[in-house]
Amino acid sequence: MERGDERPLLVETWLGNTVFVEYVGGQPLEGEVLRRIAAEDSTADTAQRVKTSFLVLENYNQYGIEVRFRGDAEPHFLPWGAILRMAEAEGGTPEGSGEAPRERTERTQEDGPPRDRGELMDRLADARTPSELASARAAADDWLAANPGDGDVRLARERLGP
């Protein structure tokens, strides 16, 4: 907040609450790819895609936001340049979503984060409809952001496609 400005920034009112965030993300580089980049003093590209999550807003600064995936202890940093849109999750819909609050609430409960790894693996294995597939992909992406070394979840997620 700037001096003399008595109104808090909108993002300040969301601190500590769950927010809807749509952002550009990709899988972290690991193992052999990292070794090759270091050895050849080169660069590598990773596939990037738009990710959509409901996250707890922990903090923000001029560089981006710190968010925590619901159920995670450790926050993650998202730079402002990667964020496509952000909205308060409670009491309304993300701007332009075209979804009524009741519809979004029902979908959020159905698509909520898995309580544990076993539930996530079941969701990945059982996904059939387009909405189930999208929910399973998002849950796996969230899990992998917090647990990048989980090869079983990564393989199951890859089987679902883009």
C-alpha atoms as a PDB file:
ATOM      1  CA  MET A   1       0.000   0.000   0.000  1.00  0.00           C
ATOM      2  CA  GLU A   2       1.358   3.398  -0.970  1.00  0.00           C
ATOM      3  CA  ARG A   3       1.653   6.173   1.578  1.00  0.00           C
ATOM      4  CA  GLY A   4      -1.398   8.395   1.573  1.00  0.00           C
ATOM      5  CA  ASP A   5      -3.511   5.637  -0.018  1.00  0.00           C
ATOM      6  CA  GLU A   6      -6.018   4.540   2.597  1.00  0.00           C
ATOM      7  CA  ARG A   7      -7.458   1.715   0.515  1.00  0.00           C
ATOM      8  CA  PRO A   8      -5.756  -1.694   0.809  1.00  0.00           C
ATOM      9  CA  LEU A   9      -4.801  -3.513  -2.364  1.00  0.00           C
ATOM     10  CA  LEU A  10      -7.302  -6.191  -3.337  1.00  0.00           C
ATOM     11  CA  VAL A  11      -4.647  -8.866  -2.918  1.00  0.00           C
ATOM     12  CA  GLU A  12      -4.191  -7.750   0.710  1.00  0.00           C
ATOM     13  CA  THR A  13      -7.821  -8.569   1.447  1.00  0.00           C
ATOM     14  CA  TRP A  14      -7.233 -12.114   0.179  1.00  0.00           C
ATOM     15  CA  LEU A  15      -4.216 -12.896   2.396  1.00  0.00           C
ATOM     16  CA  GLY A  16      -4.761 -16.135   4.310  1.00  0.00           C
ATOM     17  CA  ASN A  17      -7.767 -17.087   2.173  1.00  0.00           C
ATOM     18  CA  THR A  18      -8.257 -19.536  -0.667  1.00  0.00           C
ATOM     19  CA  VAL A  19      -7.952 -17.915  -4.082  1.00  0.00           C
ATOM     20  CA  PHE A  20      -8.531 -19.132  -7.623  1.00  0.00           C
ATOM     21  CA  VAL A  21      -5.305 -18.827  -9.628  1.00  0.00           C
ATOM     22  CA  GLU A  22      -4.798 -19.552 -13.306  1.00  0.00           C
ATOM     23  CA  TYR A  23      -1.100 -19.581 -14.182  1.00  0.00           C
ATOM     24  CA  VAL A  24       1.466 -20.833 -16.672  1.00  0.00           C
ATOM     25  CA  GLY A  25       3.515 -23.722 -15.334  1.00  0.00           C
ATOM     26  CA  GLY A  26       5.488 -26.753 -16.372  1.00  0.00           C
ATOM     27  CA  GLN A  27       7.240 -29.771 -14.974  1.00  0.00           C
ATOM     28  CA  PRO A  28      10.573 -29.178 -13.253  1.00  0.00           C
ATOM     29  CA  LEU A  29      13.650 -30.491 -15.022  1.00  0.00           C
ATOM     30  CA  GLU A  30      15.227 -33.469 -13.272  1.00  0.00           C
ATOM     31  CA  GLY A  31      17.943 -36.089 -13.450  1.00  0.00           C
ATOM     32  CA  GLU A  32      19.660 -36.689 -16.753  1.00  0.00           C
ATOM     33  CA  VAL A  33      18.276 -33.536 -18.364  1.00  0.00           C
ATOM     34  CA  LEU A  34      19.813 -31.359 -15.642  1.00  0.00           C
ATOM     35  CA  ARG A  35      23.141 -33.185 -15.881  1.00  0.00           C
ATOM     36  CA  ARG A  36      23.210 -32.734 -19.673  1.00  0.00           C
ATOM     37  CA  ILE A  37      22.433 -29.019 -19.383  1.00  0.00           C
ATOM     38  CA  ALA A  38      25.212 -28.548 -16.832  1.00  0.00           C
ATOM     39  CA  ALA A  39      27.728 -30.600 -18.833  1.00  0.00           C
ATOM     40  CA  GLU A  40      27.010 -28.875 -22.143  1.00  0.00           C
ATOM     41  CA  ASP A  41      26.425 -25.421 -20.663  1.00  0.00           C
ATOM     42  CA  SER A  42      23.176 -25.287 -22.609  1.00  0.00           C
ATOM     43  CA  THR A  43      19.466 -24.774 -22.054  1.00  0.00           C
ATOM     44  CA  ALA A  44      16.418 -26.998 -22.286  1.00  0.00           C
ATOM     45  CA  ASP A  45      12.762 -26.297 -22.905  1.00  0.00           C
ATOM     46  CA  THR A  46       9.927 -27.822 -20.941  1.00  0.00           C
ATOM     47  CA  ALA A  47       6.350 -28.071 -22.072  1.00  0.00           C
ATOM     48  CA  GLN A  48       4.342 -25.314 -20.445  1.00  0.00           C
ATOM     49  CA  ARG A  49       0.621 -25.326 -19.950  1.00  0.00           C
ATOM     50  CA  VAL A  50      -2.038 -23.303 -18.209  1.00  0.00           C
ATOM     51  CA  LYS A  51      -2.774 -24.625 -14.734  1.00  0.00           C
ATOM     52  CA  THR A  52      -5.782 -23.763 -12.625  1.00  0.00           C
ATOM     53  CA  SER A  53      -5.772 -24.234  -8.862  1.00  0.00           C
ATOM     54  CA  PHE A  54      -7.447 -23.158  -5.678  1.00  0.00           C
ATOM     55  CA  LEU A  55      -4.570 -22.061  -3.436  1.00  0.00           C
ATOM     56  CA  VAL A  56      -4.139 -20.405  -0.058  1.00  0.00           C
ATOM     57  CA  LEU A  57      -2.575 -16.962  -0.525  1.00  0.00           C
ATOM     58  CA  GLU A  58       0.228 -16.700   2.036  1.00  0.00           C
ATOM     59  CA  ASN A  59       2.030 -13.516   0.973  1.00  0.00           C
ATOM     60  CA  TYR A  60       2.818 -11.239  -1.963  1.00  0.00           C
ATOM     61  CA  ASN A  61       5.428  -8.731  -3.007  1.00  0.00           C
ATOM     62  CA  GLN A  62       6.522  -6.856  -6.121  1.00  0.00           C
ATOM     63  CA  TYR A  63       7.831 -10.089  -7.666  1.00  0.00           C
ATOM     64  CA  GLY A  64       4.849 -12.387  -7.197  1.00  0.00           C
ATOM     65  CA  ILE A  65       2.813 -14.353  -4.691  1.00  0.00           C
ATOM     66  CA  GLU A  66       3.494 -17.100  -2.177  1.00  0.00           C
ATOM     67  CA  VAL A  67       0.769 -19.716  -2.211  1.00  0.00           C
ATOM     68  CA  ARG A  68       0.212 -23.022  -0.516  1.00  0.00           C
ATOM     69  CA  PHE A  69      -1.637 -25.899  -2.077  1.00  0.00           C
ATOM     70  CA  ARG A  70      -4.413 -26.831   0.331  1.00  0.00           C
ATOM     71  CA  GLY A  71      -3.053 -29.536   2.601  1.00  0.00           C
ATOM     72  CA  ASP A  72       0.615 -28.646   1.970  1.00  0.00           C
ATOM     73  CA  ALA A  73       2.846 -27.246   4.689  1.00  0.00           C
ATOM     74  CA  GLU A  74       5.371 -25.519   2.385  1.00  0.00           C
ATOM     75  CA  PRO A  75       4.457 -22.431   0.318  1.00  0.00           C
ATOM     76  CA  HIS A  76       5.366 -22.083  -3.371  1.00  0.00           C
ATOM     77  CA  PHE A  77       6.308 -18.901  -5.220  1.00  0.00           C
ATOM     78  CA  LEU A  78       4.494 -17.834  -8.401  1.00  0.00           C
ATOM     79  CA  PRO A  79       5.956 -14.806 -10.214  1.00  0.00           C
ATOM     80  CA  TRP A  80       3.492 -12.180 -11.408  1.00  0.00           C
ATOM     81  CA  GLY A  81       4.523 -12.882 -14.996  1.00  0.00           C
ATOM     82  CA  ALA A  82       3.221 -16.459 -14.760  1.00  0.00           C
ATOM     83  CA  ILE A  83      -0.176 -15.504 -13.327  1.00  0.00           C
ATOM     84  CA  LEU A  84      -2.900 -15.153 -15.928  1.00  0.00           C
ATOM     85  CA  ARG A  85      -5.753 -14.389 -13.564  1.00  0.00           C
ATOM     86  CA  MET A  86      -6.565 -14.538  -9.894  1.00  0.00           C
ATOM     87  CA  ALA A  87      -9.833 -14.184  -7.991  1.00  0.00           C
ATOM     88  CA  GLU A  88     -11.277 -14.661  -4.549  1.00  0.00           C
ATOM     89  CA  ALA A  89     -12.575 -18.231  -4.259  1.00  0.00           C
ATOM     90  CA  GLU A  90     -15.256 -17.647  -1.624  1.00  0.00           C
ATOM     91  CA  GLY A  91     -18.441 -15.757  -2.301  1.00  0.00           C
ATOM     92  CA  GLY A  92     -18.184 -15.403  -6.063  1.00  0.00           C
ATOM     93  CA  THR A  93     -16.892 -16.792  -9.283  1.00  0.00           C
ATOM     94  CA  PRO A  94     -13.630 -16.035 -11.026  1.00  0.00           C
ATOM     95  CA  GLU A  95     -14.275 -13.096 -13.322  1.00  0.00           C
ATOM     96  CA  GLY A  96     -15.493 -14.195 -16.714  1.00  0.00           C
ATOM     97  CA  SER A  97     -15.922 -17.842 -15.763  1.00  0.00           C
ATOM     98  CA  GLY A  98     -19.622 -17.848 -16.643  1.00  0.00           C
ATOM     99  CA  GLU A  99     -20.246 -20.293 -13.828  1.00  0.00           C
ATOM    100  CA  ALA A 100     -22.876 -19.698 -11.149  1.00  0.00           C
ATOM    101  CA  PRO A 101     -21.653 -19.780  -7.517  1.00  0.00           C
ATOM    102  CA  ARG A 102     -23.657 -22.922  -6.709  1.00  0.00           C
ATOM    103  CA  GLU A 103     -22.276 -24.771  -9.730  1.00  0.00           C
ATOM    104  CA  ARG A 104     -18.736 -23.818  -8.827  1.00  0.00           C
ATOM    105  CA  THR A 105     -19.186 -24.890  -5.190  1.00  0.00           C
ATOM    106  CA  GLU A 106     -20.521 -28.276  -6.208  1.00  0.00           C
ATOM    107  CA  ARG A 107     -17.684 -28.795  -8.658  1.00  0.00           C
ATOM    108  CA  THR A 108     -15.104 -27.652  -6.115  1.00  0.00           C
ATOM    109  CA  GLN A 109     -16.275 -30.248  -3.599  1.00  0.00           C
ATOM    110  CA  GLU A 110     -16.260 -32.961  -6.273  1.00  0.00           C
ATOM    111  CA  ASP A 111     -12.910 -31.824  -7.678  1.00  0.00           C
ATOM    112  CA  GLY A 112     -11.330 -30.921  -4.353  1.00  0.00           C
ATOM    113  CA  PRO A 113      -7.793 -31.945  -3.602  1.00  0.00           C
ATOM    114  CA  PRO A 114      -7.295 -35.596  -2.734  1.00  0.00           C
ATOM    115  CA  ARG A 115      -6.873 -36.280   0.963  1.00  0.00           C
ATOM    116  CA  ASP A 116      -3.912 -38.590   0.362  1.00  0.00           C
ATOM    117  CA  ARG A 117      -1.785 -40.186  -2.348  1.00  0.00           C
ATOM    118  CA  GLY A 118      -3.991 -43.303  -2.502  1.00  0.00           C
ATOM    119  CA  GLU A 119      -7.064 -41.212  -3.257  1.00  0.00           C
ATOM    120  CA  LEU A 120      -5.127 -39.347  -5.951  1.00  0.00           C
ATOM    121  CA  MET A 121      -4.011 -42.604  -7.592  1.00  0.00           C
ATOM    122  CA  ASP A 122      -7.625 -43.874  -7.533  1.00  0.00           C
ATOM    123  CA  ARG A 123      -8.836 -40.639  -9.126  1.00  0.00           C
ATOM    124  CA  LEU A 124      -6.176 -40.934 -11.853  1.00  0.00           C
ATOM    125  CA  ALA A 125      -7.099 -44.562 -12.552  1.00  0.00           C
ATOM    126  CA  ASP A 126     -10.881 -44.045 -12.530  1.00  0.00           C
ATOM    127  CA  ALA A 127     -11.156 -40.836 -14.589  1.00  0.00           C
ATOM    128  CA  ARG A 128     -13.362 -41.387 -17.655  1.00  0.00           C
ATOM    129  CA  THR A 129     -15.467 -38.305 -18.475  1.00  0.00           C
ATOM    130  CA  PRO A 130     -13.908 -35.043 -19.664  1.00  0.00           C
ATOM    131  CA  SER A 131     -14.609 -33.349 -16.314  1.00  0.00           C
ATOM    132  CA  GLU A 132     -13.166 -36.305 -14.368  1.00  0.00           C
ATOM    133  CA  LEU A 133     -10.074 -36.270 -16.589  1.00  0.00           C
ATOM    134  CA  ALA A 134      -9.609 -32.514 -16.113  1.00  0.00           C
ATOM    135  CA  SER A 135     -10.040 -32.847 -12.351  1.00  0.00           C
ATOM    136  CA  ALA A 136      -7.597 -35.760 -12.169  1.00  0.00           C
ATOM    137  CA  ARG A 137      -5.021 -33.872 -14.263  1.00  0.00           C
ATOM    138  CA  ALA A 138      -5.292 -30.780 -12.048  1.00  0.00           C
ATOM    139  CA  ALA A 139      -5.023 -32.845  -8.851  1.00  0.00           C
ATOM    140  CA  ALA A 140      -1.964 -34.662 -10.209  1.00  0.00           C
ATOM    141  CA  ASP A 141      -0.347 -31.384 -11.321  1.00  0.00           C
ATOM    142  CA  ASP A 142      -0.892 -29.924  -7.847  1.00  0.00           C
ATOM    143  CA  TRP A 143       0.544 -33.061  -6.230  1.00  0.00           C
ATOM    144  CA  LEU A 144       3.563 -33.063  -8.520  1.00  0.00           C
ATOM    145  CA  ALA A 145       4.252 -29.389  -7.843  1.00  0.00           C
ATOM    146  CA  ALA A 146       4.669 -30.310  -4.177  1.00  0.00           C
ATOM    147  CA  ASN A 147       6.168 -33.794  -4.776  1.00  0.00           C
ATOM    148  CA  PRO A 148       8.163 -33.560  -8.037  1.00  0.00           C
ATOM    149  CA  GLY A 149       9.974 -36.862  -7.447  1.00  0.00           C
ATOM    150  CA  ASP A 150       6.802 -38.996  -7.312  1.00  0.00           C
ATOM    151  CA  GLY A 151       7.344 -41.107 -10.420  1.00  0.00           C
ATOM    152  CA  ASP A 152       4.143 -43.182 -10.038  1.00  0.00           C
ATOM    153  CA  VAL A 153       1.915 -40.102 -10.004  1.00  0.00           C
ATOM    154  CA  ARG A 154       3.930 -38.560 -12.877  1.00  0.00           C
ATOM    155  CA  LEU A 155       3.449 -41.719 -14.989  1.00  0.00           C
ATOM    156  CA  ALA A 156      -0.275 -41.921 -14.182  1.00  0.00           C
ATOM    157  CA  ARG A 157      -0.646 -38.219 -15.034  1.00  0.00           C
ATOM    158  CA  GLU A 158       1.148 -38.658 -18.370  1.00  0.00           C
ATOM    159  CA  ARG A 159      -1.239 -41.475 -19.289  1.00  0.00           C
ATOM    160  CA  LEU A 160      -4.132 -39.006 -19.037  1.00  0.00           C
ATOM    161  CA  GLY A 161      -2.627 -36.852 -21.781  1.00  0.00           C
ATOM    162  CA  PRO A 162      -2.419 -33.056 -22.060  1.00  0.00           C
END
